[in-house]
Amino acid sequence: MIDLDGSSPNVRRTTTHSWDTPGTWFATALVHPHVDGHVTAASRRLPNLASVRVVVS
């Protein structure tokens, strides 16, 4: 998990992963931005889930 301090309005993350076993795999990212940019807020957070299917043959 990566915690951000809220000092930047934009964030770009890059990562690399490889699978050695054939099959269908899912890579998923979950972020919780806040409507007003308050990183410590407990309410009004907007969960955003993104995933991608990876087929290894």
C-alpha atoms as a PDB file:
ATOM      1  CA  MET A   1       0.000   0.000   0.000  1.00  0.00           C
ATOM      2  CA  ILE A   2       1.184   3.525  -0.807  1.00  0.00           C
ATOM      3  CA  ASP A   3       0.156   6.480   1.369  1.00  0.00           C
ATOM      4  CA  LEU A   4       0.228   9.934  -0.191  1.00  0.00           C
ATOM      5  CA  ASP A   5       0.455  13.237   1.660  1.00  0.00           C
ATOM      6  CA  GLY A   6      -1.953  15.152  -0.604  1.00  0.00           C
ATOM      7  CA  SER A   7       0.610  17.781  -1.639  1.00  0.00           C
ATOM      8  CA  SER A   8       0.122  17.075  -5.363  1.00  0.00           C
ATOM      9  CA  PRO A   9      -3.186  17.221  -7.281  1.00  0.00           C
ATOM     10  CA  ASN A  10      -1.973  14.473  -9.650  1.00  0.00           C
ATOM     11  CA  VAL A  11      -0.283  11.154  -9.035  1.00  0.00           C
ATOM     12  CA  ARG A  12       1.259   8.751 -11.503  1.00  0.00           C
ATOM     13  CA  ARG A  13       2.440   5.311 -10.399  1.00  0.00           C
ATOM     14  CA  THR A  14       4.182   2.701 -12.516  1.00  0.00           C
ATOM     15  CA  THR A  15       4.887  -0.859 -11.545  1.00  0.00           C
ATOM     16  CA  THR A  16       5.959  -4.040 -13.287  1.00  0.00           C
ATOM     17  CA  HIS A  17       5.000  -7.595 -12.487  1.00  0.00           C
ATOM     18  CA  SER A  18       5.412 -10.915 -14.265  1.00  0.00           C
ATOM     19  CA  TRP A  19       3.632 -14.253 -13.944  1.00  0.00           C
ATOM     20  CA  ASP A  20       5.528 -17.510 -14.466  1.00  0.00           C
ATOM     21  CA  THR A  21       2.472 -19.772 -14.438  1.00  0.00           C
ATOM     22  CA  PRO A  22       0.076 -19.887 -17.410  1.00  0.00           C
ATOM     23  CA  GLY A  23      -3.481 -18.807 -16.670  1.00  0.00           C
ATOM     24  CA  THR A  24      -5.711 -15.780 -16.333  1.00  0.00           C
ATOM     25  CA  TRP A  25      -4.617 -13.257 -13.717  1.00  0.00           C
ATOM     26  CA  PHE A  26      -6.116  -9.992 -12.512  1.00  0.00           C
ATOM     27  CA  ALA A  27      -4.096  -6.970 -11.411  1.00  0.00           C
ATOM     28  CA  THR A  28      -6.166  -4.556  -9.310  1.00  0.00           C
ATOM     29  CA  ALA A  29      -5.693  -1.101  -7.814  1.00  0.00           C
ATOM     30  CA  LEU A  30      -7.969   0.531  -5.229  1.00  0.00           C
ATOM     31  CA  VAL A  31      -7.684   4.225  -4.411  1.00  0.00           C
ATOM     32  CA  HIS A  32      -9.763   6.445  -2.107  1.00  0.00           C
ATOM     33  CA  PRO A  33      -9.502  10.078  -3.182  1.00  0.00           C
ATOM     34  CA  HIS A  34     -11.463  12.705  -1.279  1.00  0.00           C
ATOM     35  CA  VAL A  35     -13.836  15.218  -2.831  1.00  0.00           C
ATOM     36  CA  ASP A  36     -11.935  18.184  -1.377  1.00  0.00           C
ATOM     37  CA  GLY A  37      -8.457  16.602  -1.301  1.00  0.00           C
ATOM     38  CA  HIS A  38      -8.331  15.963   2.458  1.00  0.00           C
ATOM     39  CA  VAL A  39      -6.113  12.874   2.788  1.00  0.00           C
ATOM     40  CA  THR A  40      -6.992  12.263   6.465  1.00  0.00           C
ATOM     41  CA  ALA A  41     -10.775  12.610   6.050  1.00  0.00           C
ATOM     42  CA  ALA A  42     -12.906   9.647   7.141  1.00  0.00           C
ATOM     43  CA  SER A  43     -16.010  10.666   5.186  1.00  0.00           C
ATOM     44  CA  ARG A  44     -16.784  11.762   1.602  1.00  0.00           C
ATOM     45  CA  ARG A  45     -14.097   9.483   0.205  1.00  0.00           C
ATOM     46  CA  LEU A  46     -14.683   8.149  -3.321  1.00  0.00           C
ATOM     47  CA  PRO A  47     -13.469   4.556  -3.790  1.00  0.00           C
ATOM     48  CA  ASN A  48     -12.118   3.901  -7.281  1.00  0.00           C
ATOM     49  CA  LEU A  49     -11.362   0.316  -8.250  1.00  0.00           C
ATOM     50  CA  ALA A  50      -9.520  -0.487 -11.463  1.00  0.00           C
ATOM     51  CA  SER A  51      -8.422  -3.886 -12.698  1.00  0.00           C
ATOM     52  CA  VAL A  52      -6.975  -5.479 -15.772  1.00  0.00           C
ATOM     53  CA  ARG A  53      -7.131  -9.086 -16.933  1.00  0.00           C
ATOM     54  CA  VAL A  54      -3.828 -10.639 -17.954  1.00  0.00           C
ATOM     55  CA  VAL A  55      -3.762 -13.901 -19.929  1.00  0.00           C
ATOM     56  CA  VAL A  56      -0.464 -15.812 -19.689  1.00  0.00           C
ATOM     57  CA  SER A  57      -0.021 -18.664 -22.136  1.00  0.00           C
END
